[in-house]
Amino acid sequence: MLGAVMFIEVTTKKQIHTVARLAKEIWTEHYVPIIGKEQTEYMLNEFQSIDAITRQIQKDHCLYFLVDPEDRPIGYLAVQPREEDLLLSKIYLERASRGHGFGHKTIHFVEELARELEKPAITLTVNRYNSNSLASYSRWGFRIVDQIRTDIGGGFSMDDYVMQKKTA
C-alpha cells in the first residue's frame, strides 16, 4: 500500500537544483525516444535549467513542488494559476516510481490545490505521441479539448493535445 506522499513547495536554491537534476534525468530518459536528443536538450536548457525554473517561480508565478514519499524526492510538478483555470505545466516522476500510485496522488494534490485557489478546471498540454501519459491523464478524468502546435524557438516546435479536467 502506498503511504503518505509529501508535496514540498520549491522555495530554496537547493530545491531548485533538485528539480533541475530530476528534470535532466527524467526528461532525457522519457523524451529522447519521442522528440530526439537535440530537442530534449534544448527544452531542458530553455525550460528546466536552474535559471529557467528560478525565473518561472519569481516572474511567472509558477508554483513548483517536489514529490517526496520518503525523504527522497522522486519527481516534481509545477502549476500556474491563471484567471480561468490552473495550468498543470509539469508533472514528472522517476521511471522506478511510475506505476505505484504516485501519479494518482499527485493529480489528487493538484485537484485539491485547484479547489483551494477556486479554479474550476485544471488544464495541461501533453505531447500527442506520449501515449503512456495520454492514457494516464484519460484514466484520471482529463479529456482532450484542443490540439496545438507551439514554436518554442531553436527551430523546434511542440505538437500537443490540450487536456482539461473540471474541478467544480
N, C-alpha and C. Protein backbone atom coordinates (compact mmCIF):
# COMPACT_ATOMS: atom_id res chain seq x y z
N MET A 1 0.84 -1.18 0.00
CA MET A 1 0.00 0.00 0.00
C MET A 1 0.88 1.24 0.00
N LEU A 2 0.44 2.22 -0.74
CA LEU A 2 1.18 3.48 -0.87
C LEU A 2 0.97 4.31 0.38
N GLY A 3 2.07 4.75 0.98
CA GLY A 3 2.00 5.59 2.18
C GLY A 3 1.79 7.04 1.83
N ALA A 4 2.02 7.88 2.81
CA ALA A 4 1.85 9.32 2.63
C ALA A 4 2.91 9.86 1.67
N VAL A 5 2.49 10.81 0.88
CA VAL A 5 3.39 11.50 -0.03
C VAL A 5 3.36 12.97 0.35
N MET A 6 4.53 13.54 0.53
CA MET A 6 4.62 14.97 0.81
C MET A 6 4.83 15.73 -0.49
N PHE A 7 4.19 16.88 -0.58
CA PHE A 7 4.38 17.78 -1.71
C PHE A 7 5.01 19.04 -1.13
N ILE A 8 6.30 19.22 -1.38
CA ILE A 8 7.08 20.27 -0.76
C ILE A 8 7.25 21.41 -1.75
N GLU A 9 6.73 22.58 -1.40
CA GLU A 9 6.86 23.73 -2.30
C GLU A 9 8.33 24.10 -2.45
N VAL A 10 8.74 24.32 -3.68
CA VAL A 10 10.12 24.66 -4.01
C VAL A 10 10.32 26.16 -3.79
N THR A 11 11.17 26.49 -2.81
CA THR A 11 11.41 27.89 -2.47
C THR A 11 12.90 28.22 -2.31
N THR A 12 13.75 27.20 -2.20
CA THR A 12 15.17 27.44 -1.96
C THR A 12 16.01 27.09 -3.18
N LYS A 13 17.24 27.60 -3.22
CA LYS A 13 18.16 27.27 -4.31
C LYS A 13 18.44 25.78 -4.35
N LYS A 14 18.59 25.18 -3.19
CA LYS A 14 18.86 23.74 -3.12
C LYS A 14 17.70 22.95 -3.75
N GLN A 15 16.47 23.35 -3.46
CA GLN A 15 15.31 22.66 -4.03
C GLN A 15 15.24 22.87 -5.54
N ILE A 16 15.58 24.08 -6.00
CA ILE A 16 15.59 24.35 -7.44
C ILE A 16 16.64 23.46 -8.13
N HIS A 17 17.79 23.31 -7.51
CA HIS A 17 18.82 22.41 -8.05
C HIS A 17 18.30 20.98 -8.12
N THR A 18 17.54 20.56 -7.11
CA THR A 18 16.97 19.21 -7.10
C THR A 18 16.00 19.03 -8.26
N VAL A 19 15.15 20.04 -8.49
CA VAL A 19 14.21 19.97 -9.62
C VAL A 19 14.97 19.87 -10.94
N ALA A 20 15.99 20.70 -11.12
CA ALA A 20 16.76 20.68 -12.36
C ALA A 20 17.45 19.33 -12.57
N ARG A 21 17.96 18.74 -11.49
CA ARG A 21 18.59 17.41 -11.59
C ARG A 21 17.56 16.36 -11.99
N LEU A 22 16.40 16.38 -11.33
CA LEU A 22 15.34 15.43 -11.66
C LEU A 22 14.87 15.63 -13.11
N ALA A 23 14.74 16.88 -13.53
CA ALA A 23 14.29 17.17 -14.89
C ALA A 23 15.26 16.56 -15.91
N LYS A 24 16.55 16.78 -15.70
CA LYS A 24 17.54 16.25 -16.65
C LYS A 24 17.45 14.72 -16.73
N GLU A 25 17.34 14.08 -15.59
CA GLU A 25 17.27 12.62 -15.55
C GLU A 25 15.98 12.11 -16.22
N ILE A 26 14.85 12.66 -15.81
CA ILE A 26 13.55 12.17 -16.28
C ILE A 26 13.33 12.53 -17.75
N TRP A 27 13.59 13.77 -18.12
CA TRP A 27 13.35 14.19 -19.49
C TRP A 27 14.24 13.42 -20.47
N THR A 28 15.50 13.23 -20.11
CA THR A 28 16.41 12.51 -21.01
C THR A 28 15.91 11.10 -21.25
N GLU A 29 15.51 10.43 -20.20
CA GLU A 29 15.01 9.05 -20.32
C GLU A 29 13.68 9.01 -21.07
N HIS A 30 12.81 9.97 -20.81
CA HIS A 30 11.44 9.90 -21.32
C HIS A 30 11.28 10.51 -22.71
N TYR A 31 11.88 11.68 -22.95
CA TYR A 31 11.60 12.41 -24.18
C TYR A 31 12.52 12.11 -25.35
N VAL A 32 13.74 11.67 -25.10
CA VAL A 32 14.64 11.39 -26.23
C VAL A 32 14.00 10.43 -27.23
N PRO A 33 13.35 9.34 -26.79
CA PRO A 33 12.72 8.45 -27.77
C PRO A 33 11.54 9.10 -28.52
N ILE A 34 10.93 10.13 -27.95
CA ILE A 34 9.75 10.75 -28.56
C ILE A 34 10.14 11.91 -29.47
N ILE A 35 11.03 12.80 -28.99
CA ILE A 35 11.34 14.02 -29.76
C ILE A 35 12.82 14.15 -30.13
N GLY A 36 13.64 13.22 -29.68
CA GLY A 36 15.05 13.25 -30.02
C GLY A 36 15.90 13.96 -28.98
N LYS A 37 17.20 13.67 -29.03
CA LYS A 37 18.14 14.20 -28.05
C LYS A 37 18.32 15.71 -28.18
N GLU A 38 18.42 16.21 -29.40
CA GLU A 38 18.69 17.63 -29.60
C GLU A 38 17.55 18.50 -29.05
N GLN A 39 16.30 18.15 -29.37
CA GLN A 39 15.18 18.95 -28.87
C GLN A 39 15.03 18.79 -27.35
N THR A 40 15.27 17.60 -26.83
CA THR A 40 15.18 17.39 -25.38
C THR A 40 16.19 18.28 -24.66
N GLU A 41 17.43 18.30 -25.14
CA GLU A 41 18.45 19.14 -24.51
C GLU A 41 18.10 20.62 -24.63
N TYR A 42 17.58 21.03 -25.77
CA TYR A 42 17.16 22.42 -25.95
C TYR A 42 16.07 22.78 -24.94
N MET A 43 15.07 21.91 -24.81
CA MET A 43 13.96 22.19 -23.90
C MET A 43 14.42 22.19 -22.44
N LEU A 44 15.31 21.30 -22.08
CA LEU A 44 15.85 21.31 -20.72
C LEU A 44 16.53 22.63 -20.42
N ASN A 45 17.34 23.09 -21.35
CA ASN A 45 18.06 24.36 -21.16
C ASN A 45 17.09 25.54 -21.09
N GLU A 46 16.10 25.55 -21.96
CA GLU A 46 15.18 26.69 -22.03
C GLU A 46 14.14 26.70 -20.91
N PHE A 47 13.69 25.52 -20.48
CA PHE A 47 12.54 25.44 -19.58
C PHE A 47 12.81 24.81 -18.22
N GLN A 48 13.90 24.05 -18.08
CA GLN A 48 14.11 23.33 -16.83
C GLN A 48 15.52 23.49 -16.29
N SER A 49 16.24 24.49 -16.75
CA SER A 49 17.54 24.81 -16.16
C SER A 49 17.30 25.53 -14.83
N ILE A 50 18.34 25.66 -14.05
CA ILE A 50 18.22 26.37 -12.77
C ILE A 50 17.71 27.79 -13.00
N ASP A 51 18.27 28.49 -13.99
CA ASP A 51 17.83 29.86 -14.28
C ASP A 51 16.37 29.90 -14.73
N ALA A 52 15.98 28.96 -15.60
CA ALA A 52 14.60 28.95 -16.11
C ALA A 52 13.60 28.67 -14.98
N ILE A 53 13.90 27.72 -14.13
CA ILE A 53 13.00 27.40 -13.01
C ILE A 53 12.90 28.59 -12.06
N THR A 54 14.02 29.20 -11.76
CA THR A 54 14.02 30.38 -10.88
C THR A 54 13.16 31.48 -11.47
N ARG A 55 13.32 31.74 -12.76
CA ARG A 55 12.53 32.78 -13.44
C ARG A 55 11.03 32.44 -13.40
N GLN A 56 10.70 31.18 -13.63
CA GLN A 56 9.29 30.78 -13.62
C GLN A 56 8.67 31.01 -12.24
N ILE A 57 9.41 30.70 -11.20
CA ILE A 57 8.90 30.89 -9.84
C ILE A 57 8.79 32.38 -9.51
N GLN A 58 9.83 33.14 -9.80
CA GLN A 58 9.89 34.55 -9.40
C GLN A 58 9.07 35.47 -10.28
N LYS A 59 9.06 35.23 -11.58
CA LYS A 59 8.42 36.18 -12.50
C LYS A 59 7.09 35.69 -13.08
N ASP A 60 6.96 34.38 -13.27
CA ASP A 60 5.76 33.84 -13.93
C ASP A 60 4.73 33.30 -12.95
N HIS A 61 5.01 33.42 -11.65
CA HIS A 61 4.09 32.98 -10.59
C HIS A 61 3.78 31.48 -10.66
N CYS A 62 4.75 30.70 -11.12
CA CYS A 62 4.61 29.25 -11.11
C CYS A 62 4.91 28.74 -9.72
N LEU A 63 4.21 27.72 -9.34
CA LEU A 63 4.46 27.03 -8.07
C LEU A 63 5.01 25.66 -8.40
N TYR A 64 6.22 25.39 -7.94
CA TYR A 64 6.85 24.09 -8.11
C TYR A 64 6.75 23.33 -6.80
N PHE A 65 6.57 22.02 -6.89
CA PHE A 65 6.52 21.15 -5.72
C PHE A 65 7.35 19.90 -6.00
N LEU A 66 8.11 19.48 -5.00
CA LEU A 66 8.79 18.19 -5.06
C LEU A 66 7.83 17.12 -4.58
N VAL A 67 7.83 15.98 -5.25
CA VAL A 67 7.04 14.82 -4.83
C VAL A 67 7.97 13.96 -4.00
N ASP A 68 7.64 13.83 -2.70
CA ASP A 68 8.58 13.23 -1.76
C ASP A 68 7.86 12.25 -0.83
N PRO A 69 7.90 10.95 -1.15
CA PRO A 69 7.21 9.99 -0.29
C PRO A 69 8.01 9.55 0.94
N GLU A 70 9.32 9.56 0.88
CA GLU A 70 10.10 9.02 1.99
C GLU A 70 11.41 9.77 2.16
N ASP A 71 11.34 11.09 2.28
CA ASP A 71 12.53 11.91 2.46
C ASP A 71 13.52 11.82 1.30
N ARG A 72 13.02 11.50 0.12
CA ARG A 72 13.84 11.47 -1.09
C ARG A 72 12.93 11.82 -2.25
N PRO A 73 13.12 13.02 -2.82
CA PRO A 73 12.27 13.42 -3.94
C PRO A 73 12.36 12.43 -5.10
N ILE A 74 11.19 12.05 -5.63
CA ILE A 74 11.12 11.11 -6.75
C ILE A 74 10.56 11.78 -8.01
N GLY A 75 10.21 13.07 -7.89
CA GLY A 75 9.65 13.77 -9.02
C GLY A 75 9.26 15.18 -8.62
N TYR A 76 8.58 15.84 -9.53
CA TYR A 76 8.17 17.21 -9.26
C TYR A 76 6.97 17.57 -10.13
N LEU A 77 6.34 18.67 -9.76
CA LEU A 77 5.25 19.21 -10.56
C LEU A 77 5.33 20.72 -10.50
N ALA A 78 4.70 21.36 -11.47
CA ALA A 78 4.61 22.82 -11.48
C ALA A 78 3.22 23.20 -11.97
N VAL A 79 2.64 24.17 -11.30
CA VAL A 79 1.34 24.69 -11.69
C VAL A 79 1.43 26.21 -11.80
N GLN A 80 0.53 26.76 -12.59
CA GLN A 80 0.47 28.21 -12.75
C GLN A 80 -1.00 28.63 -12.69
N PRO A 81 -1.38 29.32 -11.62
CA PRO A 81 -2.76 29.81 -11.55
C PRO A 81 -2.99 30.85 -12.65
N ARG A 82 -4.04 30.63 -13.42
CA ARG A 82 -4.45 31.59 -14.43
C ARG A 82 -5.86 32.05 -14.09
N GLU A 83 -6.33 33.06 -14.78
CA GLU A 83 -7.64 33.60 -14.46
C GLU A 83 -8.74 32.54 -14.56
N GLU A 84 -8.70 31.73 -15.63
CA GLU A 84 -9.80 30.80 -15.89
C GLU A 84 -9.56 29.37 -15.40
N ASP A 85 -8.31 29.05 -15.00
CA ASP A 85 -8.03 27.66 -14.61
C ASP A 85 -6.69 27.59 -13.88
N LEU A 86 -6.31 26.36 -13.56
CA LEU A 86 -4.98 26.08 -13.01
C LEU A 86 -4.25 25.30 -14.08
N LEU A 87 -3.17 25.87 -14.59
CA LEU A 87 -2.37 25.19 -15.61
C LEU A 87 -1.41 24.23 -14.91
N LEU A 88 -1.53 22.96 -15.21
CA LEU A 88 -0.58 21.96 -14.74
C LEU A 88 0.50 21.89 -15.81
N SER A 89 1.58 22.65 -15.59
CA SER A 89 2.58 22.76 -16.65
C SER A 89 3.60 21.63 -16.63
N LYS A 90 3.79 21.02 -15.48
CA LYS A 90 4.76 19.93 -15.39
C LYS A 90 4.34 18.92 -14.33
N ILE A 91 4.50 17.65 -14.67
CA ILE A 91 4.33 16.58 -13.69
C ILE A 91 5.23 15.43 -14.16
N TYR A 92 6.26 15.17 -13.39
CA TYR A 92 7.25 14.18 -13.78
C TYR A 92 7.67 13.33 -12.58
N LEU A 93 7.74 12.03 -12.82
CA LEU A 93 8.19 11.07 -11.81
C LEU A 93 9.32 10.23 -12.39
N GLU A 94 10.26 9.87 -11.53
CA GLU A 94 11.32 8.95 -11.94
C GLU A 94 10.70 7.65 -12.46
N ARG A 95 11.38 7.03 -13.39
CA ARG A 95 10.87 5.80 -14.00
C ARG A 95 10.51 4.74 -12.95
N ALA A 96 11.38 4.52 -11.97
CA ALA A 96 11.15 3.48 -10.96
C ALA A 96 9.93 3.77 -10.08
N SER A 97 9.48 5.03 -10.07
CA SER A 97 8.36 5.42 -9.23
C SER A 97 7.03 5.40 -9.97
N ARG A 98 7.06 5.19 -11.27
CA ARG A 98 5.83 5.16 -12.05
C ARG A 98 5.12 3.82 -11.85
N GLY A 99 3.79 3.88 -11.91
CA GLY A 99 3.00 2.65 -11.78
C GLY A 99 2.79 2.21 -10.34
N HIS A 100 3.09 3.08 -9.38
CA HIS A 100 2.94 2.74 -7.97
C HIS A 100 1.94 3.65 -7.25
N GLY A 101 1.17 4.43 -8.00
CA GLY A 101 0.15 5.28 -7.40
C GLY A 101 0.60 6.70 -7.10
N PHE A 102 1.86 7.02 -7.34
CA PHE A 102 2.34 8.38 -7.05
C PHE A 102 1.73 9.40 -8.01
N GLY A 103 1.53 9.02 -9.26
CA GLY A 103 0.91 9.92 -10.22
C GLY A 103 -0.51 10.27 -9.80
N HIS A 104 -1.25 9.25 -9.40
CA HIS A 104 -2.63 9.47 -8.94
C HIS A 104 -2.66 10.40 -7.73
N LYS A 105 -1.78 10.16 -6.77
CA LYS A 105 -1.72 11.03 -5.59
C LYS A 105 -1.33 12.46 -5.97
N THR A 106 -0.46 12.58 -6.96
CA THR A 106 -0.04 13.91 -7.39
C THR A 106 -1.21 14.64 -8.05
N ILE A 107 -1.95 13.96 -8.89
CA ILE A 107 -3.13 14.58 -9.52
C ILE A 107 -4.15 14.97 -8.45
N HIS A 108 -4.34 14.13 -7.45
CA HIS A 108 -5.27 14.47 -6.36
C HIS A 108 -4.80 15.74 -5.64
N PHE A 109 -3.50 15.87 -5.41
CA PHE A 109 -2.95 17.08 -4.79
C PHE A 109 -3.25 18.30 -5.65
N VAL A 110 -3.07 18.19 -6.96
CA VAL A 110 -3.33 19.31 -7.87
C VAL A 110 -4.82 19.66 -7.87
N GLU A 111 -5.68 18.65 -7.81
CA GLU A 111 -7.13 18.90 -7.74
C GLU A 111 -7.49 19.68 -6.47
N GLU A 112 -6.91 19.29 -5.36
CA GLU A 112 -7.17 20.00 -4.10
C GLU A 112 -6.64 21.43 -4.17
N LEU A 113 -5.49 21.61 -4.77
CA LEU A 113 -4.92 22.94 -4.93
C LEU A 113 -5.82 23.81 -5.81
N ALA A 114 -6.34 23.24 -6.88
CA ALA A 114 -7.25 23.99 -7.77
C ALA A 114 -8.50 24.42 -7.01
N ARG A 115 -9.03 23.54 -6.18
CA ARG A 115 -10.22 23.90 -5.40
C ARG A 115 -9.89 25.00 -4.39
N GLU A 116 -8.74 24.90 -3.72
CA GLU A 116 -8.32 25.94 -2.77
C GLU A 116 -8.18 27.30 -3.45
N LEU A 117 -7.69 27.28 -4.69
CA LEU A 117 -7.49 28.51 -5.45
C LEU A 117 -8.76 28.93 -6.21
N GLU A 118 -9.82 28.15 -6.02
CA GLU A 118 -11.13 28.41 -6.65
C GLU A 118 -11.03 28.44 -8.17
N LYS A 119 -10.31 27.47 -8.71
CA LYS A 119 -10.19 27.32 -10.16
C LYS A 119 -11.12 26.19 -10.59
N PRO A 120 -12.00 26.44 -11.56
CA PRO A 120 -12.99 25.45 -11.95
C PRO A 120 -12.45 24.31 -12.81
N ALA A 121 -11.18 24.43 -13.25
CA ALA A 121 -10.63 23.39 -14.12
C ALA A 121 -9.11 23.36 -14.00
N ILE A 122 -8.57 22.19 -14.33
CA ILE A 122 -7.12 22.01 -14.48
C ILE A 122 -6.89 21.76 -15.96
N THR A 123 -5.95 22.49 -16.53
CA THR A 123 -5.62 22.34 -17.94
C THR A 123 -4.14 21.96 -18.05
N LEU A 124 -3.83 21.12 -19.02
CA LEU A 124 -2.45 20.72 -19.27
C LEU A 124 -2.25 20.50 -20.75
N THR A 125 -1.00 20.46 -21.16
CA THR A 125 -0.66 20.05 -22.52
C THR A 125 0.20 18.81 -22.43
N VAL A 126 0.03 17.93 -23.41
CA VAL A 126 0.80 16.69 -23.44
C VAL A 126 1.14 16.38 -24.90
N ASN A 127 2.37 15.95 -25.13
CA ASN A 127 2.81 15.60 -26.47
C ASN A 127 1.86 14.56 -27.07
N ARG A 128 1.46 14.79 -28.30
CA ARG A 128 0.48 13.91 -28.95
C ARG A 128 0.99 12.49 -29.10
N TYR A 129 2.30 12.29 -29.05
CA TYR A 129 2.87 10.95 -29.23
C TYR A 129 3.28 10.31 -27.90
N ASN A 130 2.94 10.95 -26.80
CA ASN A 130 3.28 10.45 -25.47
C ASN A 130 2.11 9.57 -24.98
N SER A 131 2.02 8.38 -25.55
CA SER A 131 0.85 7.52 -25.34
C SER A 131 0.65 7.11 -23.88
N ASN A 132 1.72 6.85 -23.15
CA ASN A 132 1.56 6.45 -21.74
C ASN A 132 0.95 7.58 -20.91
N SER A 133 1.44 8.80 -21.11
CA SER A 133 0.89 9.94 -20.35
C SER A 133 -0.55 10.22 -20.77
N LEU A 134 -0.83 10.15 -22.06
CA LEU A 134 -2.21 10.34 -22.53
C LEU A 134 -3.16 9.35 -21.86
N ALA A 135 -2.74 8.11 -21.79
CA ALA A 135 -3.58 7.08 -21.15
C ALA A 135 -3.78 7.38 -19.67
N SER A 136 -2.72 7.80 -18.99
CA SER A 136 -2.84 8.12 -17.56
C SER A 136 -3.78 9.29 -17.34
N TYR A 137 -3.60 10.37 -18.09
CA TYR A 137 -4.47 11.54 -17.92
C TYR A 137 -5.93 11.18 -18.20
N SER A 138 -6.16 10.39 -19.22
CA SER A 138 -7.53 9.96 -19.53
C SER A 138 -8.12 9.16 -18.37
N ARG A 139 -7.33 8.27 -17.82
CA ARG A 139 -7.78 7.45 -16.69
C ARG A 139 -8.11 8.33 -15.48
N TRP A 140 -7.40 9.45 -15.32
CA TRP A 140 -7.62 10.35 -14.19
C TRP A 140 -8.71 11.38 -14.46
N GLY A 141 -9.42 11.25 -15.59
CA GLY A 141 -10.56 12.10 -15.85
C GLY A 141 -10.32 13.31 -16.74
N PHE A 142 -9.13 13.43 -17.32
CA PHE A 142 -8.85 14.53 -18.24
C PHE A 142 -9.36 14.16 -19.63
N ARG A 143 -9.84 15.17 -20.35
CA ARG A 143 -10.34 14.96 -21.71
C ARG A 143 -9.63 15.91 -22.67
N ILE A 144 -9.39 15.44 -23.88
CA ILE A 144 -8.77 16.29 -24.91
C ILE A 144 -9.78 17.35 -25.32
N VAL A 145 -9.35 18.63 -25.27
CA VAL A 145 -10.22 19.73 -25.66
C VAL A 145 -9.67 20.52 -26.84
N ASP A 146 -8.41 20.28 -27.21
CA ASP A 146 -7.83 21.01 -28.32
C ASP A 146 -6.52 20.33 -28.73
N GLN A 147 -6.00 20.77 -29.85
CA GLN A 147 -4.73 20.29 -30.38
C GLN A 147 -3.96 21.53 -30.80
N ILE A 148 -2.69 21.65 -30.38
CA ILE A 148 -1.92 22.85 -30.70
C ILE A 148 -0.51 22.48 -31.15
N ARG A 149 0.05 23.38 -31.93
CA ARG A 149 1.46 23.28 -32.32
C ARG A 149 2.10 24.59 -31.90
N THR A 150 3.15 24.51 -31.06
CA THR A 150 3.77 25.71 -30.50
C THR A 150 5.23 25.79 -30.92
N ASP A 151 5.61 26.92 -31.51
CA ASP A 151 7.01 27.18 -31.85
C ASP A 151 7.72 27.55 -30.56
N ILE A 152 8.74 26.77 -30.18
CA ILE A 152 9.45 27.04 -28.92
C ILE A 152 10.84 27.61 -29.16
N GLY A 153 11.13 27.98 -30.40
CA GLY A 153 12.43 28.55 -30.71
C GLY A 153 13.44 27.46 -31.05
N GLY A 154 14.60 27.89 -31.49
CA GLY A 154 15.67 26.95 -31.81
C GLY A 154 15.34 26.04 -32.97
N GLY A 155 14.31 26.38 -33.75
CA GLY A 155 13.90 25.53 -34.86
C GLY A 155 13.01 24.37 -34.43
N PHE A 156 12.53 24.40 -33.18
CA PHE A 156 11.72 23.31 -32.65
C PHE A 156 10.29 23.76 -32.40
N SER A 157 9.40 22.79 -32.41
CA SER A 157 8.01 23.06 -32.04
C SER A 157 7.50 21.88 -31.22
N MET A 158 6.41 22.12 -30.54
CA MET A 158 5.76 21.07 -29.75
C MET A 158 4.38 20.80 -30.36
N ASP A 159 4.08 19.54 -30.59
CA ASP A 159 2.78 19.10 -31.08
C ASP A 159 2.04 18.47 -29.91
N ASP A 160 1.09 19.20 -29.36
CA ASP A 160 0.45 18.79 -28.12
C ASP A 160 -1.07 18.69 -28.23
N TYR A 161 -1.62 17.88 -27.36
CA TYR A 161 -3.04 17.93 -27.05
C TYR A 161 -3.20 18.81 -25.82
N VAL A 162 -4.28 19.58 -25.79
CA VAL A 162 -4.67 20.30 -24.59
C VAL A 162 -5.71 19.42 -23.93
N MET A 163 -5.49 19.10 -22.66
CA MET A 163 -6.43 18.27 -21.90
C MET A 163 -6.92 19.07 -20.70
N GLN A 164 -8.14 18.76 -20.27
CA GLN A 164 -8.72 19.51 -19.18
C GLN A 164 -9.58 18.59 -18.33
N LYS A 165 -9.62 18.96 -17.05
CA LYS A 165 -10.49 18.27 -16.10
C LYS A 165 -11.18 19.33 -15.24
N LYS A 166 -12.48 19.20 -15.13
CA LYS A 166 -13.25 20.13 -14.30
C LYS A 166 -13.04 19.78 -12.84
N THR A 167 -12.95 20.81 -12.00
CA THR A 167 -12.75 20.57 -10.56
C THR A 167 -13.98 20.96 -9.75
N ALA A 168 -14.88 21.71 -10.38
CA ALA A 168 -16.08 22.17 -9.65
C ALA A 168 -17.30 21.40 -10.10
